Amino acid sequence: MRQQEESRKITTMIDHLNDILRPAGLFVRGGFHPEPDDDIPDLPGGGRAGTVVLIGNAGADMWRAFSIAADMSARNPLDKWLRTKIDSAAGAVGAHVVLPNSGPPFVPIQEWAARAEPLYRSPIGIMIHSEFGLWHAYRAALLFPGRIALPSRGSDDSPCDTCAGKSCLKVCPADAFLTDRFDASACAAHLDSHAGTNCRVGGCLARRACPVGREYLYVPDQQKFHTAAMLRAVRSGYGLEIGAES
């Protein structure tokens, strides 16, 4: 009986967290219980986290909320806006926030995400989800001191395994998707050219070629915003991990 009561309490907490996040177009994207050998940051004041919960988005809901409320003239406007929303949600449920790019040390957010949901690396490097396709991202991890009940991870296979055409590998005009890496410099050079207008304005052609999760396709302004962010990262000399911020 006590275990059932605790389970209901946790379900209510996760539902409450989703209620807080929903107006920002964010939602809980599963979680996991760390193993002793996992390199999880310590909680403030010391001690290890008992549960990691991933927060993310899919489709255009987050973009719509952000573009209405945020100050687009600010430096890194999406990061600032997201931090406010995520900090508020974490405070309401007593969790500690870890952001993907808040290191060093940098957290392996994609590895954590793959433990929380059926997530696989696509042929072009972006992590693919069986429902959302390539149109999603993980924005933060919430660390809880205790071990709490979590939804099932699911067992969907990678949709890329049954994709015969692999159209994503055939359409990149910059040939930036190599067998062992993403050639960010080649991509940026193409985007800077007149021939790169389609990708610069409409978003990555290779990404748009994927047939999975088409209902979650980013809207044009969202595509353009993320493409511009990628260009700034390359021009600044920062390495870019595909899908870490998309």
C-alpha atoms as a PDB file:
ATOM      1  CA  MET A   1       0.000   0.000   0.000  1.00  0.00           C
ATOM      2  CA  ARG A   2       2.813   2.429   0.906  1.00  0.00           C
ATOM      3  CA  GLN A   3       4.564   1.683  -2.410  1.00  0.00           C
ATOM      4  CA  GLN A   4       1.337   2.411  -4.309  1.00  0.00           C
ATOM      5  CA  GLU A   5       0.920   5.679  -2.443  1.00  0.00           C
ATOM      6  CA  GLU A   6       4.498   6.692  -3.289  1.00  0.00           C
ATOM      7  CA  SER A   7       3.929   5.792  -6.942  1.00  0.00           C
ATOM      8  CA  ARG A   8       0.806   7.951  -7.081  1.00  0.00           C
ATOM      9  CA  LYS A   9       2.722  10.796  -5.440  1.00  0.00           C
ATOM     10  CA  ILE A  10       5.492  10.619  -8.035  1.00  0.00           C
ATOM     11  CA  THR A  11       2.998  10.400 -10.893  1.00  0.00           C
ATOM     12  CA  THR A  12       1.314  13.510  -9.551  1.00  0.00           C
ATOM     13  CA  MET A  13       4.701  15.263  -9.308  1.00  0.00           C
ATOM     14  CA  ILE A  14       5.606  14.388 -12.926  1.00  0.00           C
ATOM     15  CA  ASP A  15       2.178  15.479 -14.105  1.00  0.00           C
ATOM     16  CA  HIS A  16       2.645  18.711 -12.166  1.00  0.00           C
ATOM     17  CA  LEU A  17       6.038  19.210 -13.801  1.00  0.00           C
ATOM     18  CA  ASN A  18       4.508  18.718 -17.241  1.00  0.00           C
ATOM     19  CA  ASP A  19       1.743  21.183 -16.377  1.00  0.00           C
ATOM     20  CA  ILE A  20       4.390  23.785 -15.544  1.00  0.00           C
ATOM     21  CA  LEU A  21       6.428  23.078 -18.666  1.00  0.00           C
ATOM     22  CA  ARG A  22       3.575  22.789 -21.172  1.00  0.00           C
ATOM     23  CA  PRO A  23       2.991  26.543 -21.740  1.00  0.00           C
ATOM     24  CA  ALA A  24       6.647  26.788 -22.791  1.00  0.00           C
ATOM     25  CA  GLY A  25       6.282  23.898 -25.243  1.00  0.00           C
ATOM     26  CA  LEU A  26       8.484  21.664 -23.080  1.00  0.00           C
ATOM     27  CA  PHE A  27       7.747  18.296 -21.496  1.00  0.00           C
ATOM     28  CA  VAL A  28       9.277  15.418 -19.539  1.00  0.00           C
ATOM     29  CA  ARG A  29      11.134  13.062 -21.869  1.00  0.00           C
ATOM     30  CA  GLY A  30      11.708  10.117 -19.602  1.00  0.00           C
ATOM     31  CA  GLY A  31      14.551   9.495 -17.213  1.00  0.00           C
ATOM     32  CA  PHE A  32      16.761   6.893 -15.600  1.00  0.00           C
ATOM     33  CA  HIS A  33      18.231   5.825 -12.289  1.00  0.00           C
ATOM     34  CA  PRO A  34      22.008   6.358 -12.255  1.00  0.00           C
ATOM     35  CA  GLU A  35      24.298   3.385 -11.723  1.00  0.00           C
ATOM     36  CA  PRO A  36      27.211   3.624  -9.254  1.00  0.00           C
ATOM     37  CA  ASP A  37      29.752   4.086 -12.078  1.00  0.00           C
ATOM     38  CA  ASP A  38      27.789   6.807 -13.895  1.00  0.00           C
ATOM     39  CA  ASP A  39      29.472  10.195 -14.042  1.00  0.00           C
ATOM     40  CA  ILE A  40      26.558  12.244 -12.719  1.00  0.00           C
ATOM     41  CA  PRO A  41      27.254  15.685 -11.200  1.00  0.00           C
ATOM     42  CA  ASP A  42      26.858  15.871  -7.455  1.00  0.00           C
ATOM     43  CA  LEU A  43      23.853  17.638  -6.031  1.00  0.00           C
ATOM     44  CA  PRO A  44      24.355  21.052  -4.403  1.00  0.00           C
ATOM     45  CA  GLY A  45      25.749  20.465  -0.959  1.00  0.00           C
ATOM     46  CA  GLY A  46      27.044  17.028  -1.934  1.00  0.00           C
ATOM     47  CA  GLY A  47      25.422  13.681  -2.455  1.00  0.00           C
ATOM     48  CA  ARG A  48      24.467  11.751  -5.556  1.00  0.00           C
ATOM     49  CA  ALA A  49      21.301  12.006  -7.579  1.00  0.00           C
ATOM     50  CA  GLY A  50      18.929   9.082  -7.317  1.00  0.00           C
ATOM     51  CA  THR A  51      16.984   9.941 -10.468  1.00  0.00           C
ATOM     52  CA  VAL A  52      17.702  11.855 -13.675  1.00  0.00           C
ATOM     53  CA  VAL A  53      14.724  13.269 -15.594  1.00  0.00           C
ATOM     54  CA  LEU A  54      15.179  14.703 -19.101  1.00  0.00           C
ATOM     55  CA  ILE A  55      13.338  17.818 -20.272  1.00  0.00           C
ATOM     56  CA  GLY A  56      12.938  18.594 -23.958  1.00  0.00           C
ATOM     57  CA  ASN A  57      10.730  19.640 -26.825  1.00  0.00           C
ATOM     58  CA  ALA A  58       9.437  18.371 -30.146  1.00  0.00           C
ATOM     59  CA  GLY A  59       7.948  20.159 -33.118  1.00  0.00           C
ATOM     60  CA  ALA A  60       7.129  23.866 -33.092  1.00  0.00           C
ATOM     61  CA  ASP A  61       5.348  24.319 -29.737  1.00  0.00           C
ATOM     62  CA  MET A  62       8.442  25.575 -27.904  1.00  0.00           C
ATOM     63  CA  TRP A  63       9.315  27.910 -30.754  1.00  0.00           C
ATOM     64  CA  ARG A  64       5.854  29.482 -30.748  1.00  0.00           C
ATOM     65  CA  ALA A  65       6.024  30.157 -27.009  1.00  0.00           C
ATOM     66  CA  PHE A  66       9.590  31.482 -27.237  1.00  0.00           C
ATOM     67  CA  SER A  67       9.060  33.729 -30.253  1.00  0.00           C
ATOM     68  CA  ILE A  68       6.076  35.448 -28.609  1.00  0.00           C
ATOM     69  CA  ALA A  69       7.634  36.090 -25.205  1.00  0.00           C
ATOM     70  CA  ALA A  70      11.404  36.331 -25.631  1.00  0.00           C
ATOM     71  CA  ASP A  71      13.640  39.323 -26.285  1.00  0.00           C
ATOM     72  CA  MET A  72      15.151  38.417 -29.661  1.00  0.00           C
ATOM     73  CA  SER A  73      17.662  41.268 -29.390  1.00  0.00           C
ATOM     74  CA  ALA A  74      19.323  39.701 -26.340  1.00  0.00           C
ATOM     75  CA  ARG A  75      22.497  37.643 -26.559  1.00  0.00           C
ATOM     76  CA  ASN A  76      21.605  33.941 -26.751  1.00  0.00           C
ATOM     77  CA  PRO A  77      17.884  34.659 -26.365  1.00  0.00           C
ATOM     78  CA  LEU A  78      16.751  31.030 -26.492  1.00  0.00           C
ATOM     79  CA  ASP A  79      19.212  29.938 -23.811  1.00  0.00           C
ATOM     80  CA  LYS A  80      18.136  32.787 -21.519  1.00  0.00           C
ATOM     81  CA  TRP A  81      14.443  32.104 -22.033  1.00  0.00           C
ATOM     82  CA  LEU A  82      14.812  28.361 -21.538  1.00  0.00           C
ATOM     83  CA  ARG A  83      16.842  28.777 -18.357  1.00  0.00           C
ATOM     84  CA  THR A  84      14.086  30.879 -16.799  1.00  0.00           C
ATOM     85  CA  LYS A  85      11.389  28.325 -17.658  1.00  0.00           C
ATOM     86  CA  ILE A  86      13.409  25.291 -16.585  1.00  0.00           C
ATOM     87  CA  ASP A  87      14.639  26.845 -13.337  1.00  0.00           C
ATOM     88  CA  SER A  88      11.059  27.699 -12.401  1.00  0.00           C
ATOM     89  CA  ALA A  89       9.877  24.149 -13.076  1.00  0.00           C
ATOM     90  CA  ALA A  90      12.796  22.592 -11.197  1.00  0.00           C
ATOM     91  CA  GLY A  91      12.208  24.795  -8.184  1.00  0.00           C
ATOM     92  CA  ALA A  92       8.574  23.725  -8.049  1.00  0.00           C
ATOM     93  CA  VAL A  93       9.492  20.025  -7.785  1.00  0.00           C
ATOM     94  CA  GLY A  94      12.699  20.277  -5.735  1.00  0.00           C
ATOM     95  CA  ALA A  95      15.129  19.277  -8.490  1.00  0.00           C
ATOM     96  CA  HIS A  96      18.600  20.502  -9.492  1.00  0.00           C
ATOM     97  CA  VAL A  97      19.077  21.679 -13.098  1.00  0.00           C
ATOM     98  CA  VAL A  98      21.926  20.487 -15.325  1.00  0.00           C
ATOM     99  CA  LEU A  99      22.186  22.064 -18.782  1.00  0.00           C
ATOM    100  CA  PRO A 100      23.834  20.369 -21.782  1.00  0.00           C
ATOM    101  CA  ASN A 101      26.284  23.228 -22.419  1.00  0.00           C
ATOM    102  CA  SER A 102      26.908  24.368 -18.848  1.00  0.00           C
ATOM    103  CA  GLY A 103      30.300  22.663 -18.443  1.00  0.00           C
ATOM    104  CA  PRO A 104      33.067  21.966 -18.136  1.00  0.00           C
ATOM    105  CA  PRO A 105      32.626  19.207 -17.389  1.00  0.00           C
ATOM    106  CA  PHE A 106      30.044  18.834 -20.153  1.00  0.00           C
ATOM    107  CA  VAL A 107      27.297  16.314 -19.556  1.00  0.00           C
ATOM    108  CA  PRO A 108      26.710  13.567 -22.168  1.00  0.00           C
ATOM    109  CA  ILE A 109      23.123  14.652 -22.754  1.00  0.00           C
ATOM    110  CA  GLN A 110      22.604  12.417 -25.798  1.00  0.00           C
ATOM    111  CA  GLU A 111      23.806   9.350 -23.901  1.00  0.00           C
ATOM    112  CA  TRP A 112      21.467  10.217 -21.049  1.00  0.00           C
ATOM    113  CA  ALA A 113      18.611  10.754 -23.492  1.00  0.00           C
ATOM    114  CA  ALA A 114      19.148   7.319 -25.046  1.00  0.00           C
ATOM    115  CA  ARG A 115      18.716   5.802 -21.586  1.00  0.00           C
ATOM    116  CA  ALA A 116      15.476   7.707 -21.077  1.00  0.00           C
ATOM    117  CA  GLU A 117      13.812   7.073 -24.450  1.00  0.00           C
ATOM    118  CA  PRO A 118      14.267   4.878 -27.549  1.00  0.00           C
ATOM    119  CA  LEU A 119      16.723   7.174 -29.294  1.00  0.00           C
ATOM    120  CA  TYR A 120      19.220   6.291 -32.019  1.00  0.00           C
ATOM    121  CA  ARG A 121      21.879   8.007 -34.083  1.00  0.00           C
ATOM    122  CA  SER A 122      20.649   8.631 -37.626  1.00  0.00           C
ATOM    123  CA  PRO A 123      22.868   8.328 -40.729  1.00  0.00           C
ATOM    124  CA  ILE A 124      23.421  12.101 -40.630  1.00  0.00           C
ATOM    125  CA  GLY A 125      24.359  12.104 -36.955  1.00  0.00           C
ATOM    126  CA  ILE A 126      21.258  13.713 -35.478  1.00  0.00           C
ATOM    127  CA  MET A 127      19.552  11.545 -32.878  1.00  0.00           C
ATOM    128  CA  ILE A 128      16.277  10.167 -34.239  1.00  0.00           C
ATOM    129  CA  HIS A 129      13.134   9.346 -32.273  1.00  0.00           C
ATOM    130  CA  SER A 130      10.549   6.908 -33.609  1.00  0.00           C
ATOM    131  CA  GLU A 131       7.705   9.425 -33.219  1.00  0.00           C
ATOM    132  CA  PHE A 132       9.379  12.834 -33.426  1.00  0.00           C
ATOM    133  CA  GLY A 133      11.899  11.931 -36.105  1.00  0.00           C
ATOM    134  CA  LEU A 134      14.705  14.506 -36.197  1.00  0.00           C
ATOM    135  CA  TRP A 135      12.522  17.358 -34.966  1.00  0.00           C
ATOM    136  CA  HIS A 136      13.210  17.386 -31.252  1.00  0.00           C
ATOM    137  CA  ALA A 137      15.844  18.314 -28.680  1.00  0.00           C
ATOM    138  CA  TYR A 138      16.800  17.775 -25.051  1.00  0.00           C
ATOM    139  CA  ARG A 139      17.159  21.018 -23.142  1.00  0.00           C
ATOM    140  CA  ALA A 140      18.019  20.037 -19.583  1.00  0.00           C
ATOM    141  CA  ALA A 141      18.324  17.263 -17.047  1.00  0.00           C
ATOM    142  CA  LEU A 142      16.722  17.491 -13.623  1.00  0.00           C
ATOM    143  CA  LEU A 143      18.515  15.693 -10.808  1.00  0.00           C
ATOM    144  CA  PHE A 144      16.427  14.412  -7.898  1.00  0.00           C
ATOM    145  CA  PRO A 145      17.980  13.277  -4.609  1.00  0.00           C
ATOM    146  CA  GLY A 146      15.736  10.239  -4.274  1.00  0.00           C
ATOM    147  CA  ARG A 147      14.940   7.277  -6.473  1.00  0.00           C
ATOM    148  CA  ILE A 148      11.522   7.948  -7.995  1.00  0.00           C
ATOM    149  CA  ALA A 149       9.255   5.919 -10.241  1.00  0.00           C
ATOM    150  CA  LEU A 150       9.711   6.576 -13.954  1.00  0.00           C
ATOM    151  CA  PRO A 151       7.680   5.815 -17.075  1.00  0.00           C
ATOM    152  CA  SER A 152       8.837   2.886 -19.159  1.00  0.00           C
ATOM    153  CA  ARG A 153      11.622   3.716 -21.601  1.00  0.00           C
ATOM    154  CA  GLY A 154       9.873   1.932 -24.473  1.00  0.00           C
ATOM    155  CA  SER A 155      11.432  -0.477 -26.936  1.00  0.00           C
ATOM    156  CA  ASP A 156      10.893   1.001 -30.399  1.00  0.00           C
ATOM    157  CA  ASP A 157      13.607   0.141 -32.912  1.00  0.00           C
ATOM    158  CA  SER A 158      15.401   2.799 -34.896  1.00  0.00           C
ATOM    159  CA  PRO A 159      13.265   3.842 -37.885  1.00  0.00           C
ATOM    160  CA  CYS A 160      16.497   4.162 -39.874  1.00  0.00           C
ATOM    161  CA  ASP A 161      16.921   0.370 -39.811  1.00  0.00           C
ATOM    162  CA  THR A 162      13.945  -0.108 -42.125  1.00  0.00           C
ATOM    163  CA  CYS A 163      14.487   3.006 -44.269  1.00  0.00           C
ATOM    164  CA  ALA A 164      15.558   1.646 -47.645  1.00  0.00           C
ATOM    165  CA  GLY A 165      16.037   4.973 -49.427  1.00  0.00           C
ATOM    166  CA  LYS A 166      18.264   6.764 -46.868  1.00  0.00           C
ATOM    167  CA  SER A 167      17.289   9.990 -48.637  1.00  0.00           C
ATOM    168  CA  CYS A 168      18.981  12.027 -45.922  1.00  0.00           C
ATOM    169  CA  LEU A 169      22.374  10.932 -47.257  1.00  0.00           C
ATOM    170  CA  LYS A 170      21.656  11.894 -50.859  1.00  0.00           C
ATOM    171  CA  VAL A 171      20.520  15.501 -50.825  1.00  0.00           C
ATOM    172  CA  CYS A 172      23.174  17.540 -48.995  1.00  0.00           C
ATOM    173  CA  PRO A 173      24.525  20.039 -51.568  1.00  0.00           C
ATOM    174  CA  ALA A 174      27.694  20.531 -49.508  1.00  0.00           C
ATOM    175  CA  ASP A 175      28.441  16.814 -49.048  1.00  0.00           C
ATOM    176  CA  ALA A 176      28.913  17.644 -45.378  1.00  0.00           C
ATOM    177  CA  PHE A 177      27.778  14.294 -43.973  1.00  0.00           C
ATOM    178  CA  LEU A 178      30.876  12.120 -44.130  1.00  0.00           C
ATOM    179  CA  THR A 179      31.077   8.513 -42.975  1.00  0.00           C
ATOM    180  CA  ASP A 180      32.926   9.425 -39.797  1.00  0.00           C
ATOM    181  CA  ARG A 181      31.976  13.019 -39.075  1.00  0.00           C
ATOM    182  CA  PHE A 182      29.960  16.102 -39.945  1.00  0.00           C
ATOM    183  CA  ASP A 183      31.981  18.616 -41.981  1.00  0.00           C
ATOM    184  CA  ALA A 184      30.701  21.792 -40.331  1.00  0.00           C
ATOM    185  CA  SER A 185      33.049  24.017 -42.321  1.00  0.00           C
ATOM    186  CA  ALA A 186      31.739  22.703 -45.651  1.00  0.00           C
ATOM    187  CA  CYS A 187      28.174  23.192 -44.451  1.00  0.00           C
ATOM    188  CA  ALA A 188      28.891  26.748 -43.310  1.00  0.00           C
ATOM    189  CA  ALA A 189      30.627  27.658 -46.575  1.00  0.00           C
ATOM    190  CA  HIS A 190      27.601  26.456 -48.525  1.00  0.00           C
ATOM    191  CA  LEU A 191      25.194  28.352 -46.270  1.00  0.00           C
ATOM    192  CA  ASP A 192      27.185  31.527 -46.810  1.00  0.00           C
ATOM    193  CA  SER A 193      26.913  31.194 -50.585  1.00  0.00           C
ATOM    194  CA  HIS A 194      24.056  32.173 -52.893  1.00  0.00           C
ATOM    195  CA  ALA A 195      23.466  28.471 -53.577  1.00  0.00           C
ATOM    196  CA  GLY A 196      22.870  27.947 -49.877  1.00  0.00           C
ATOM    197  CA  THR A 197      19.733  30.087 -49.684  1.00  0.00           C
ATOM    198  CA  ASN A 198      17.390  27.089 -49.493  1.00  0.00           C
ATOM    199  CA  CYS A 199      19.226  25.567 -46.523  1.00  0.00           C
ATOM    200  CA  ARG A 200      19.882  28.929 -44.872  1.00  0.00           C
ATOM    201  CA  VAL A 201      16.232  29.975 -44.962  1.00  0.00           C
ATOM    202  CA  GLY A 202      14.375  26.667 -44.935  1.00  0.00           C
ATOM    203  CA  GLY A 203      16.689  24.542 -42.826  1.00  0.00           C
ATOM    204  CA  CYS A 204      18.978  21.593 -43.528  1.00  0.00           C
ATOM    205  CA  LEU A 205      17.918  19.744 -46.695  1.00  0.00           C
ATOM    206  CA  ALA A 206      19.214  16.427 -45.390  1.00  0.00           C
ATOM    207  CA  ARG A 207      17.204  16.774 -42.209  1.00  0.00           C
ATOM    208  CA  ARG A 208      14.085  17.772 -44.149  1.00  0.00           C
ATOM    209  CA  ALA A 209      14.470  14.703 -46.366  1.00  0.00           C
ATOM    210  CA  CYS A 210      13.742  12.303 -43.490  1.00  0.00           C
ATOM    211  CA  PRO A 211      10.212  10.835 -43.752  1.00  0.00           C
ATOM    212  CA  VAL A 212       9.847  10.169 -40.005  1.00  0.00           C
ATOM    213  CA  GLY A 213       7.884  12.551 -37.794  1.00  0.00           C
ATOM    214  CA  ARG A 214       6.827  14.923 -40.556  1.00  0.00           C
ATOM    215  CA  GLU A 215       4.017  16.318 -38.383  1.00  0.00           C
ATOM    216  CA  TYR A 216       6.712  17.703 -36.045  1.00  0.00           C
ATOM    217  CA  LEU A 217       8.611  19.555 -38.767  1.00  0.00           C
ATOM    218  CA  TYR A 218       9.965  22.878 -37.534  1.00  0.00           C
ATOM    219  CA  VAL A 219       8.269  25.990 -38.928  1.00  0.00           C
ATOM    220  CA  PRO A 220      10.300  28.213 -41.315  1.00  0.00           C
ATOM    221  CA  ASP A 221      11.305  30.889 -38.771  1.00  0.00           C
ATOM    222  CA  GLN A 222      12.412  28.168 -36.361  1.00  0.00           C
ATOM    223  CA  GLN A 223      14.470  26.475 -39.072  1.00  0.00           C
ATOM    224  CA  LYS A 224      16.124  29.767 -39.973  1.00  0.00           C
ATOM    225  CA  PHE A 225      16.902  30.585 -36.323  1.00  0.00           C
ATOM    226  CA  HIS A 226      18.678  27.283 -35.671  1.00  0.00           C
ATOM    227  CA  THR A 227      20.596  27.440 -38.940  1.00  0.00           C
ATOM    228  CA  ALA A 228      21.859  30.905 -38.036  1.00  0.00           C
ATOM    229  CA  ALA A 229      22.901  29.634 -34.599  1.00  0.00           C
ATOM    230  CA  MET A 230      24.887  26.817 -36.206  1.00  0.00           C
ATOM    231  CA  LEU A 231      26.628  29.294 -38.514  1.00  0.00           C
ATOM    232  CA  ARG A 232      27.616  31.500 -35.573  1.00  0.00           C
ATOM    233  CA  ALA A 233      29.042  28.502 -33.733  1.00  0.00           C
ATOM    234  CA  VAL A 234      31.188  27.481 -36.705  1.00  0.00           C
ATOM    235  CA  ARG A 235      32.398  31.044 -37.349  1.00  0.00           C
ATOM    236  CA  SER A 236      33.332  31.380 -33.678  1.00  0.00           C
ATOM    237  CA  GLY A 237      35.496  28.284 -33.866  1.00  0.00           C
ATOM    238  CA  TYR A 238      33.359  26.177 -31.556  1.00  0.00           C
ATOM    239  CA  GLY A 239      32.935  22.501 -32.272  1.00  0.00           C
ATOM    240  CA  LEU A 240      29.395  21.471 -33.123  1.00  0.00           C
ATOM    241  CA  GLU A 241      27.772  18.226 -32.036  1.00  0.00           C
ATOM    242  CA  ILE A 242      24.855  17.563 -34.348  1.00  0.00           C
ATOM    243  CA  GLY A 243      21.565  17.506 -32.517  1.00  0.00           C
ATOM    244  CA  ALA A 244      22.890  18.807 -29.207  1.00  0.00           C
ATOM    245  CA  GLU A 245      21.126  22.125 -29.764  1.00  0.00           C
ATOM    246  CA  SER A 246      18.542  21.910 -32.492  1.00  0.00           C
END
